[in-house]
All heavy atoms as atom14 arrays in JSON, in Angstrom:
{
  "sequence": "SLGQGLQFGVMTLQMSVFGGVLAGLYTSWVHNRFYKLKLPEILAFFG",
  "atom14_mask": [
    [1, 1, 1, 1, 1, 1, 0, 0, 0, 0, 0, 0, 0, 0],
    [1, 1, 1, 1, 1, 1, 1, 1, 0, 0, 0, 0, 0, 0],
    [1, 1, 1, 1, 0, 0, 0, 0, 0, 0, 0, 0, 0, 0],
    [1, 1, 1, 1, 1, 1, 1, 1, 1, 0, 0, 0, 0, 0],
    [1, 1, 1, 1, 0, 0, 0, 0, 0, 0, 0, 0, 0, 0],
    [1, 1, 1, 1, 1, 1, 1, 1, 0, 0, 0, 0, 0, 0],
    [1, 1, 1, 1, 1, 1, 1, 1, 1, 0, 0, 0, 0, 0],
    [1, 1, 1, 1, 1, 1, 1, 1, 1, 1, 1, 0, 0, 0],
    [1, 1, 1, 1, 0, 0, 0, 0, 0, 0, 0, 0, 0, 0],
    [1, 1, 1, 1, 1, 1, 1, 0, 0, 0, 0, 0, 0, 0],
    [1, 1, 1, 1, 1, 1, 1, 1, 0, 0, 0, 0, 0, 0],
    [1, 1, 1, 1, 1, 1, 1, 0, 0, 0, 0, 0, 0, 0],
    [1, 1, 1, 1, 1, 1, 1, 1, 0, 0, 0, 0, 0, 0],
    [1, 1, 1, 1, 1, 1, 1, 1, 1, 0, 0, 0, 0, 0],
    [1, 1, 1, 1, 1, 1, 1, 1, 0, 0, 0, 0, 0, 0],
    [1, 1, 1, 1, 1, 1, 0, 0, 0, 0, 0, 0, 0, 0],
    [1, 1, 1, 1, 1, 1, 1, 0, 0, 0, 0, 0, 0, 0],
    [1, 1, 1, 1, 1, 1, 1, 1, 1, 1, 1, 0, 0, 0],
    [1, 1, 1, 1, 0, 0, 0, 0, 0, 0, 0, 0, 0, 0],
    [1, 1, 1, 1, 0, 0, 0, 0, 0, 0, 0, 0, 0, 0],
    [1, 1, 1, 1, 1, 1, 1, 0, 0, 0, 0, 0, 0, 0],
    [1, 1, 1, 1, 1, 1, 1, 1, 0, 0, 0, 0, 0, 0],
    [1, 1, 1, 1, 1, 0, 0, 0, 0, 0, 0, 0, 0, 0],
    [1, 1, 1, 1, 0, 0, 0, 0, 0, 0, 0, 0, 0, 0],
    [1, 1, 1, 1, 1, 1, 1, 1, 0, 0, 0, 0, 0, 0],
    [1, 1, 1, 1, 1, 1, 1, 1, 1, 1, 1, 1, 0, 0],
    [1, 1, 1, 1, 1, 1, 1, 0, 0, 0, 0, 0, 0, 0],
    [1, 1, 1, 1, 1, 1, 0, 0, 0, 0, 0, 0, 0, 0],
    [1, 1, 1, 1, 1, 1, 1, 1, 1, 1, 1, 1, 1, 1],
    [1, 1, 1, 1, 1, 1, 1, 0, 0, 0, 0, 0, 0, 0],
    [1, 1, 1, 1, 1, 1, 1, 1, 1, 1, 0, 0, 0, 0],
    [1, 1, 1, 1, 1, 1, 1, 1, 0, 0, 0, 0, 0, 0],
    [1, 1, 1, 1, 1, 1, 1, 1, 1, 1, 1, 0, 0, 0],
    [1, 1, 1, 1, 1, 1, 1, 1, 1, 1, 1, 0, 0, 0],
    [1, 1, 1, 1, 1, 1, 1, 1, 1, 1, 1, 1, 0, 0],
    [1, 1, 1, 1, 1, 1, 1, 1, 1, 0, 0, 0, 0, 0],
    [1, 1, 1, 1, 1, 1, 1, 1, 0, 0, 0, 0, 0, 0],
    [1, 1, 1, 1, 1, 1, 1, 1, 1, 0, 0, 0, 0, 0],
    [1, 1, 1, 1, 1, 1, 1, 1, 0, 0, 0, 0, 0, 0],
    [1, 1, 1, 1, 1, 1, 1, 0, 0, 0, 0, 0, 0, 0],
    [1, 1, 1, 1, 1, 1, 1, 1, 1, 0, 0, 0, 0, 0],
    [1, 1, 1, 1, 1, 1, 1, 1, 0, 0, 0, 0, 0, 0],
    [1, 1, 1, 1, 1, 1, 1, 1, 0, 0, 0, 0, 0, 0],
    [1, 1, 1, 1, 1, 0, 0, 0, 0, 0, 0, 0, 0, 0],
    [1, 1, 1, 1, 1, 1, 1, 1, 1, 1, 1, 0, 0, 0],
    [1, 1, 1, 1, 1, 1, 1, 1, 1, 1, 1, 0, 0, 0],
    [1, 1, 1, 1, 0, 0, 0, 0, 0, 0, 0, 0, 0, 0]
  ],
  "atom14_positions": [
    [[34.68, 188.09, 160.64], [35.36, 187.16, 161.5], [35.76, 187.82, 162.81], [35.96, 187.21, 163.81], [36.62, 186.56, 160.79], [37.56, 187.63, 160.6], [0.0, 0.0, 0.0], [0.0, 0.0, 0.0], [0.0, 0.0, 0.0], [0.0, 0.0, 0.0], [0.0, 0.0, 0.0], [0.0, 0.0, 0.0], [0.0, 0.0, 0.0], [0.0, 0.0, 0.0]],
    [[35.8, 189.17, 162.8], [36.07, 189.95, 164.07], [34.87, 190.57, 164.63], [34.96, 191.37, 165.62], [37.08, 191.03, 163.68], [38.39, 190.62, 163.06], [39.26, 191.81, 162.62], [39.17, 189.7, 164.01], [0.0, 0.0, 0.0], [0.0, 0.0, 0.0], [0.0, 0.0, 0.0], [0.0, 0.0, 0.0], [0.0, 0.0, 0.0], [0.0, 0.0, 0.0]],
    [[33.65, 190.24, 164.13], [32.45, 190.82, 164.63], [32.27, 192.25, 164.22], [31.6, 193.06, 164.91], [0.0, 0.0, 0.0], [0.0, 0.0, 0.0], [0.0, 0.0, 0.0], [0.0, 0.0, 0.0], [0.0, 0.0, 0.0], [0.0, 0.0, 0.0], [0.0, 0.0, 0.0], [0.0, 0.0, 0.0], [0.0, 0.0, 0.0], [0.0, 0.0, 0.0]],
    [[32.85, 192.63, 163.08], [32.77, 194.01, 162.69], [32.18, 194.06, 161.26], [32.04, 193.09, 160.55], [34.16, 194.66, 162.61], [34.88, 194.72, 163.98], [36.3, 195.21, 163.87], [36.6, 195.99, 163.02], [37.19, 194.71, 164.8], [0.0, 0.0, 0.0], [0.0, 0.0, 0.0], [0.0, 0.0, 0.0], [0.0, 0.0, 0.0], [0.0, 0.0, 0.0]],
    [[31.85, 195.31, 160.89], [31.23, 195.5, 159.53], [31.12, 196.96, 159.14], [31.13, 197.8, 160.11], [0.0, 0.0, 0.0], [0.0, 0.0, 0.0], [0.0, 0.0, 0.0], [0.0, 0.0, 0.0], [0.0, 0.0, 0.0], [0.0, 0.0, 0.0], [0.0, 0.0, 0.0], [0.0, 0.0, 0.0], [0.0, 0.0, 0.0], [0.0, 0.0, 0.0]],
    [[30.98, 197.31, 157.89], [30.86, 198.64, 157.45], [29.43, 199.12, 157.6], [28.51, 198.4, 157.25], [31.26, 198.78, 155.99], [32.74, 198.98, 155.67], [32.97, 199.01, 154.17], [33.28, 200.27, 156.28], [0.0, 0.0, 0.0], [0.0, 0.0, 0.0], [0.0, 0.0, 0.0], [0.0, 0.0, 0.0], [0.0, 0.0, 0.0], [0.0, 0.0, 0.0]],
    [[29.25, 200.31, 158.19], [27.95, 200.89, 158.33], [28.03, 202.36, 157.83], [28.75, 203.14, 158.53], [27.48, 200.85, 159.77], [25.99, 201.1, 159.99], [25.12, 200.01, 159.34], [25.29, 198.85, 159.64], [24.19, 200.49, 158.48], [0.0, 0.0, 0.0], [0.0, 0.0, 0.0], [0.0, 0.0, 0.0], [0.0, 0.0, 0.0], [0.0, 0.0, 0.0]],
    [[27.48, 202.64, 156.68], [27.61, 204.0, 156.12], [29.06, 204.42, 155.95], [29.43, 205.53, 156.15], [26.82, 205.03, 156.91], [25.4, 204.77, 157.07], [24.82, 204.13, 158.16], [24.53, 205.07, 156.01], [23.44, 203.89, 158.23], [23.15, 204.83, 156.08], [22.62, 204.23, 157.16], [0.0, 0.0, 0.0], [0.0, 0.0, 0.0], [0.0, 0.0, 0.0]],
    [[29.91, 203.42, 155.55], [31.24, 203.69, 155.32], [32.16, 203.72, 156.55], [33.34, 203.96, 156.49], [0.0, 0.0, 0.0], [0.0, 0.0, 0.0], [0.0, 0.0, 0.0], [0.0, 0.0, 0.0], [0.0, 0.0, 0.0], [0.0, 0.0, 0.0], [0.0, 0.0, 0.0], [0.0, 0.0, 0.0], [0.0, 0.0, 0.0], [0.0, 0.0, 0.0]],
    [[31.55, 203.43, 157.72], [32.33, 203.41, 158.99], [32.51, 202.0, 159.47], [31.48, 201.28, 159.62], [31.61, 204.23, 160.09], [32.4, 204.24, 161.38], [31.42, 205.69, 159.56], [0.0, 0.0, 0.0], [0.0, 0.0, 0.0], [0.0, 0.0, 0.0], [0.0, 0.0, 0.0], [0.0, 0.0, 0.0], [0.0, 0.0, 0.0], [0.0, 0.0, 0.0]],
    [[33.73, 201.56, 159.66], [33.96, 200.2, 160.22], [33.7, 200.2, 161.69], [34.33, 200.96, 162.44], [35.44, 199.78, 159.89], [35.67, 198.33, 160.37], [34.71, 197.14, 159.42], [35.49, 197.27, 157.81], [0.0, 0.0, 0.0], [0.0, 0.0, 0.0], [0.0, 0.0, 0.0], [0.0, 0.0, 0.0], [0.0, 0.0, 0.0], [0.0, 0.0, 0.0]],
    [[32.74, 199.45, 162.11], [32.36, 199.44, 163.51], [31.86, 198.03, 163.93], [31.94, 197.12, 163.18], [31.15, 200.44, 163.74], [30.84, 200.54, 165.09], [29.92, 200.01, 162.9], [0.0, 0.0, 0.0], [0.0, 0.0, 0.0], [0.0, 0.0, 0.0], [0.0, 0.0, 0.0], [0.0, 0.0, 0.0], [0.0, 0.0, 0.0], [0.0, 0.0, 0.0]],
    [[31.58, 197.89, 165.17], [31.06, 196.59, 165.64], [29.79, 196.28, 165.01], [28.88, 197.14, 164.79], [30.93, 196.62, 167.16], [32.16, 196.7, 167.99], [31.83, 196.77, 169.53], [33.08, 195.48, 167.79], [0.0, 0.0, 0.0], [0.0, 0.0, 0.0], [0.0, 0.0, 0.0], [0.0, 0.0, 0.0], [0.0, 0.0, 0.0], [0.0, 0.0, 0.0]],
    [[29.55, 194.99, 164.69], [28.36, 194.56, 163.96], [27.16, 194.5, 164.86], [26.7, 193.45, 165.25], [28.65, 193.2, 163.3], [27.64, 192.81, 162.22], [27.96, 193.36, 160.85], [28.71, 194.33, 160.78], [27.46, 192.74, 159.9], [0.0, 0.0, 0.0], [0.0, 0.0, 0.0], [0.0, 0.0, 0.0], [0.0, 0.0, 0.0], [0.0, 0.0, 0.0]],
    [[26.63, 195.66, 165.27], [25.5, 195.66, 166.23], [24.15, 195.62, 165.45], [23.15, 195.49, 166.0], [25.52, 196.89, 167.08], [26.71, 197.0, 168.0], [26.59, 198.4, 169.14], [26.84, 199.74, 167.97], [0.0, 0.0, 0.0], [0.0, 0.0, 0.0], [0.0, 0.0, 0.0], [0.0, 0.0, 0.0], [0.0, 0.0, 0.0], [0.0, 0.0, 0.0]],
    [[24.27, 195.85, 164.11], [23.01, 195.79, 163.27], [21.91, 196.69, 163.83], [22.18, 197.82, 164.26], [22.6, 194.35, 163.15], [21.57, 194.24, 162.16], [0.0, 0.0, 0.0], [0.0, 0.0, 0.0], [0.0, 0.0, 0.0], [0.0, 0.0, 0.0], [0.0, 0.0, 0.0], [0.0, 0.0, 0.0], [0.0, 0.0, 0.0], [0.0, 0.0, 0.0]],
    [[20.72, 196.18, 163.79], [19.58, 197.0, 164.23], [19.59, 197.35, 165.74], [19.04, 198.43, 166.12], [18.24, 196.28, 163.88], [17.06, 196.96, 164.49], [18.08, 196.17, 162.35], [0.0, 0.0, 0.0], [0.0, 0.0, 0.0], [0.0, 0.0, 0.0], [0.0, 0.0, 0.0], [0.0, 0.0, 0.0], [0.0, 0.0, 0.0], [0.0, 0.0, 0.0]],
    [[20.23, 196.51, 166.51], [20.35, 196.8, 167.91], [21.0, 198.15, 168.17], [20.72, 198.86, 169.14], [21.12, 195.64, 168.68], [20.23, 194.62, 169.3], [18.83, 194.7, 169.09], [20.72, 193.58, 169.97], [18.0, 193.77, 169.68], [19.94, 192.6, 170.51], [18.55, 192.71, 170.39], [0.0, 0.0, 0.0], [0.0, 0.0, 0.0], [0.0, 0.0, 0.0]],
    [[22.03, 198.46, 167.37], [22.65, 199.72, 167.53], [21.74, 200.86, 167.25], [21.71, 201.87, 167.96], [0.0, 0.0, 0.0], [0.0, 0.0, 0.0], [0.0, 0.0, 0.0], [0.0, 0.0, 0.0], [0.0, 0.0, 0.0], [0.0, 0.0, 0.0], [0.0, 0.0, 0.0], [0.0, 0.0, 0.0], [0.0, 0.0, 0.0], [0.0, 0.0, 0.0]],
    [[20.87, 200.73, 166.25], [19.83, 201.75, 165.97], [18.85, 201.86, 167.05], [18.4, 202.95, 167.4], [0.0, 0.0, 0.0], [0.0, 0.0, 0.0], [0.0, 0.0, 0.0], [0.0, 0.0, 0.0], [0.0, 0.0, 0.0], [0.0, 0.0, 0.0], [0.0, 0.0, 0.0], [0.0, 0.0, 0.0], [0.0, 0.0, 0.0], [0.0, 0.0, 0.0]],
    [[18.36, 200.72, 167.58], [17.43, 200.73, 168.63], [17.96, 201.42, 169.85], [17.33, 202.27, 170.53], [16.95, 199.31, 169.01], [16.13, 199.27, 170.29], [16.2, 198.63, 167.82], [0.0, 0.0, 0.0], [0.0, 0.0, 0.0], [0.0, 0.0, 0.0], [0.0, 0.0, 0.0], [0.0, 0.0, 0.0], [0.0, 0.0, 0.0], [0.0, 0.0, 0.0]],
    [[19.25, 201.1, 170.21], [19.88, 201.76, 171.33], [19.98, 203.23, 171.2], [19.66, 204.04, 172.07], [21.23, 201.14, 171.49], [22.12, 201.73, 172.63], [21.51, 201.45, 173.99], [23.56, 201.22, 172.56], [0.0, 0.0, 0.0], [0.0, 0.0, 0.0], [0.0, 0.0, 0.0], [0.0, 0.0, 0.0], [0.0, 0.0, 0.0], [0.0, 0.0, 0.0]],
    [[20.41, 203.67, 169.99], [20.46, 205.09, 169.68], [19.1, 205.77, 169.76], [18.99, 206.9, 170.31], [21.1, 205.34, 168.29], [0.0, 0.0, 0.0], [0.0, 0.0, 0.0], [0.0, 0.0, 0.0], [0.0, 0.0, 0.0], [0.0, 0.0, 0.0], [0.0, 0.0, 0.0], [0.0, 0.0, 0.0], [0.0, 0.0, 0.0], [0.0, 0.0, 0.0]],
    [[18.09, 205.12, 169.29], [16.74, 205.65, 169.4], [16.28, 205.82, 170.84], [15.59, 206.79, 171.18], [0.0, 0.0, 0.0], [0.0, 0.0, 0.0], [0.0, 0.0, 0.0], [0.0, 0.0, 0.0], [0.0, 0.0, 0.0], [0.0, 0.0, 0.0], [0.0, 0.0, 0.0], [0.0, 0.0, 0.0], [0.0, 0.0, 0.0], [0.0, 0.0, 0.0]],
    [[16.62, 204.84, 171.68], [16.18, 204.82, 173.05], [16.81, 205.97, 173.85], [16.12, 206.74, 174.52], [16.44, 203.48, 173.72], [15.58, 202.34, 173.32], [16.11, 201.04, 173.91], [14.11, 202.57, 173.71], [0.0, 0.0, 0.0], [0.0, 0.0, 0.0], [0.0, 0.0, 0.0], [0.0, 0.0, 0.0], [0.0, 0.0, 0.0], [0.0, 0.0, 0.0]],
    [[18.17, 206.08, 173.78], [18.76, 207.12, 174.57], [18.51, 208.51, 173.97], [18.47, 209.52, 174.69], [20.25, 206.9, 174.85], [21.2, 206.84, 173.69], [21.45, 207.95, 172.89], [21.89, 205.7, 173.37], [22.36, 207.94, 171.85], [22.87, 205.62, 172.35], [23.09, 206.74, 171.56], [23.92, 206.76, 170.53], [0.0, 0.0, 0.0], [0.0, 0.0, 0.0]],
    [[18.31, 208.64, 172.69], [17.97, 209.94, 172.08], [16.59, 210.36, 172.56], [16.4, 211.56, 172.92], [17.98, 209.83, 170.57], [19.28, 209.47, 170.1], [17.54, 211.16, 169.95], [0.0, 0.0, 0.0], [0.0, 0.0, 0.0], [0.0, 0.0, 0.0], [0.0, 0.0, 0.0], [0.0, 0.0, 0.0], [0.0, 0.0, 0.0], [0.0, 0.0, 0.0]],
    [[15.62, 209.44, 172.61], [14.33, 209.85, 173.11], [14.33, 210.25, 174.58], [13.63, 211.19, 175.0], [13.34, 208.69, 172.93], [13.68, 207.57, 173.7], [0.0, 0.0, 0.0], [0.0, 0.0, 0.0], [0.0, 0.0, 0.0], [0.0, 0.0, 0.0], [0.0, 0.0, 0.0], [0.0, 0.0, 0.0], [0.0, 0.0, 0.0], [0.0, 0.0, 0.0]],
    [[15.2, 209.59, 175.37], [15.31, 209.95, 176.77], [15.93, 211.39, 176.92], [15.37, 212.2, 177.69], [16.23, 208.92, 177.52], [16.47, 209.24, 178.89], [15.63, 208.94, 179.97], [17.57, 210.02, 179.47], [16.11, 209.48, 181.17], [17.37, 210.08, 180.9], [18.7, 210.53, 178.93], [18.3, 210.72, 181.74], [19.63, 211.2, 179.79], [19.37, 211.33, 181.2]],
    [[16.98, 211.66, 176.19], [17.52, 212.95, 176.16], [16.58, 214.03, 175.73], [16.43, 215.07, 176.36], [18.83, 213.01, 175.25], [19.33, 214.44, 175.12], [19.96, 212.17, 175.86], [0.0, 0.0, 0.0], [0.0, 0.0, 0.0], [0.0, 0.0, 0.0], [0.0, 0.0, 0.0], [0.0, 0.0, 0.0], [0.0, 0.0, 0.0], [0.0, 0.0, 0.0]],
    [[15.85, 213.68, 174.65], [14.93, 214.66, 174.09], [13.81, 215.02, 175.09], [13.52, 216.16, 175.36], [14.26, 214.08, 172.83], [13.25, 215.02, 172.22], [13.49, 216.0, 171.4], [11.9, 215.0, 172.38], [12.37, 216.65, 171.0], [11.36, 216.02, 171.61], [0.0, 0.0, 0.0], [0.0, 0.0, 0.0], [0.0, 0.0, 0.0], [0.0, 0.0, 0.0]],
    [[13.18, 213.98, 175.68], [12.06, 214.24, 176.59], [12.5, 214.94, 177.91], [11.74, 215.61, 178.56], [11.33, 212.91, 176.95], [10.67, 212.32, 175.79], [10.21, 213.05, 174.84], [10.48, 210.99, 175.76], [0.0, 0.0, 0.0], [0.0, 0.0, 0.0], [0.0, 0.0, 0.0], [0.0, 0.0, 0.0], [0.0, 0.0, 0.0], [0.0, 0.0, 0.0]],
    [[13.8, 214.81, 178.2], [14.29, 215.43, 179.43], [14.83, 216.9, 179.27], [14.68, 217.71, 180.12], [15.41, 214.56, 179.99], [15.94, 215.03, 181.38], [16.98, 214.05, 181.87], [17.4, 214.38, 183.21], [16.81, 214.05, 184.35], [15.69, 213.37, 184.31], [17.33, 214.4, 185.53], [0.0, 0.0, 0.0], [0.0, 0.0, 0.0], [0.0, 0.0, 0.0]],
    [[15.31, 217.13, 177.99], [15.95, 218.44, 177.8], [15.34, 219.34, 176.74], [15.88, 220.46, 176.45], [17.44, 218.2, 177.45], [18.24, 217.6, 178.57], [18.52, 216.25, 178.5], [18.59, 218.34, 179.6], [19.3, 215.65, 179.54], [19.32, 217.74, 180.71], [19.65, 216.45, 180.65], [0.0, 0.0, 0.0], [0.0, 0.0, 0.0], [0.0, 0.0, 0.0]],
    [[14.28, 218.96, 176.05], [13.79, 219.72, 174.94], [13.16, 221.1, 175.48], [12.92, 221.99, 174.71], [12.77, 219.01, 174.05], [11.34, 218.83, 174.62], [10.34, 219.72, 174.16], [11.07, 217.84, 175.54], [9.04, 219.58, 174.68], [9.8, 217.7, 176.03], [8.75, 218.58, 175.62], [7.52, 218.36, 176.12], [0.0, 0.0, 0.0], [0.0, 0.0, 0.0]],
    [[12.93, 221.28, 176.75], [12.49, 222.51, 177.3], [13.59, 223.19, 178.15], [13.29, 224.04, 178.97], [11.22, 222.31, 178.16], [10.03, 221.92, 177.39], [8.86, 221.73, 178.34], [7.55, 221.4, 177.57], [6.34, 221.24, 178.46], [0.0, 0.0, 0.0], [0.0, 0.0, 0.0], [0.0, 0.0, 0.0], [0.0, 0.0, 0.0], [0.0, 0.0, 0.0]],
    [[14.8, 222.81, 177.98], [15.94, 223.28, 178.77], [16.09, 224.8, 178.66], [16.14, 225.35, 177.55], [17.24, 222.6, 178.35], [18.53, 223.03, 179.05], [18.47, 222.62, 180.52], [19.77, 222.43, 178.36], [0.0, 0.0, 0.0], [0.0, 0.0, 0.0], [0.0, 0.0, 0.0], [0.0, 0.0, 0.0], [0.0, 0.0, 0.0], [0.0, 0.0, 0.0]],
    [[16.2, 225.5, 179.76], [16.43, 226.93, 179.81], [17.87, 227.2, 180.25], [18.31, 226.69, 181.25], [15.4, 227.57, 180.85], [13.98, 227.5, 180.35], [13.07, 228.22, 181.35], [11.6, 228.2, 180.91], [10.69, 228.94, 181.82], [0.0, 0.0, 0.0], [0.0, 0.0, 0.0], [0.0, 0.0, 0.0], [0.0, 0.0, 0.0], [0.0, 0.0, 0.0]],
    [[18.53, 227.98, 179.48], [19.92, 228.33, 179.71], [20.07, 229.85, 179.98], [19.07, 230.63, 179.67], [20.8, 228.03, 178.49], [20.89, 226.54, 178.13], [21.65, 226.33, 176.8], [21.61, 225.72, 179.24], [0.0, 0.0, 0.0], [0.0, 0.0, 0.0], [0.0, 0.0, 0.0], [0.0, 0.0, 0.0], [0.0, 0.0, 0.0], [0.0, 0.0, 0.0]],
    [[21.11, 230.29, 180.57], [21.35, 231.75, 180.76], [21.19, 232.53, 179.42], [21.36, 231.9, 178.39], [22.79, 231.8, 181.33], [22.97, 230.45, 181.93], [22.21, 229.5, 181.12], [0.0, 0.0, 0.0], [0.0, 0.0, 0.0], [0.0, 0.0, 0.0], [0.0, 0.0, 0.0], [0.0, 0.0, 0.0], [0.0, 0.0, 0.0], [0.0, 0.0, 0.0]],
    [[20.86, 233.78, 179.62], [20.52, 234.64, 178.41], [21.67, 234.54, 177.39], [21.37, 234.5, 176.17], [20.39, 236.1, 178.87], [19.76, 237.0, 177.76], [18.33, 236.63, 177.46], [17.63, 236.12, 178.4], [17.98, 236.86, 176.31], [0.0, 0.0, 0.0], [0.0, 0.0, 0.0], [0.0, 0.0, 0.0], [0.0, 0.0, 0.0], [0.0, 0.0, 0.0]],
    [[22.9, 234.47, 177.8], [24.02, 234.52, 176.84], [24.07, 233.23, 176.0], [24.58, 233.21, 174.97], [25.37, 234.72, 177.58], [26.46, 235.11, 176.59], [25.71, 233.58, 178.46], [27.73, 235.57, 177.22], [0.0, 0.0, 0.0], [0.0, 0.0, 0.0], [0.0, 0.0, 0.0], [0.0, 0.0, 0.0], [0.0, 0.0, 0.0], [0.0, 0.0, 0.0]],
    [[23.53, 232.13, 176.57], [23.52, 230.85, 175.87], [22.14, 230.39, 175.43], [21.96, 229.22, 175.07], [24.16, 229.76, 176.82], [25.59, 229.98, 177.21], [25.95, 228.87, 178.26], [26.5, 229.86, 176.05], [0.0, 0.0, 0.0], [0.0, 0.0, 0.0], [0.0, 0.0, 0.0], [0.0, 0.0, 0.0], [0.0, 0.0, 0.0], [0.0, 0.0, 0.0]],
    [[21.24, 231.35, 175.5], [19.82, 230.99, 175.23], [19.61, 230.4, 173.81], [18.66, 229.57, 173.62], [18.94, 232.26, 175.4], [0.0, 0.0, 0.0], [0.0, 0.0, 0.0], [0.0, 0.0, 0.0], [0.0, 0.0, 0.0], [0.0, 0.0, 0.0], [0.0, 0.0, 0.0], [0.0, 0.0, 0.0], [0.0, 0.0, 0.0], [0.0, 0.0, 0.0]],
    [[20.42, 230.77, 172.91], [20.27, 230.27, 171.54], [20.37, 228.71, 171.54], [19.73, 228.03, 170.7], [21.34, 230.85, 170.62], [21.27, 230.3, 169.17], [20.4, 230.73, 168.28], [22.17, 229.28, 168.82], [20.36, 230.21, 166.99], [22.12, 228.72, 167.55], [21.25, 229.23, 166.63], [0.0, 0.0, 0.0], [0.0, 0.0, 0.0], [0.0, 0.0, 0.0]],
    [[21.2, 228.18, 172.44], [21.4, 226.75, 172.45], [20.35, 225.99, 173.4], [20.59, 224.82, 173.63], [22.85, 226.43, 172.86], [23.85, 226.98, 171.98], [24.54, 228.12, 172.26], [24.15, 226.35, 170.72], [25.48, 228.65, 171.4], [25.04, 226.91, 169.89], [25.77, 228.03, 170.21], [0.0, 0.0, 0.0], [0.0, 0.0, 0.0], [0.0, 0.0, 0.0]],
    [[19.5, 226.75, 173.95], [18.5, 226.13, 174.85], [17.38, 225.47, 174.12], [17.26, 225.4, 172.92], [0.0, 0.0, 0.0], [0.0, 0.0, 0.0], [0.0, 0.0, 0.0], [0.0, 0.0, 0.0], [0.0, 0.0, 0.0], [0.0, 0.0, 0.0], [0.0, 0.0, 0.0], [0.0, 0.0, 0.0], [0.0, 0.0, 0.0], [0.0, 0.0, 0.0]]
  ]
}
């Protein structure tokens, strides 16, 4: 009645598959942009 629902035990807005599609879209954008990211030597492990 409030437009909410449990998703993996988390009460959140009932976005259903749209929430998953959105997460997939921005994740792919981040991945394609940063998967070759070069960081300074001290932080290279996280690059």
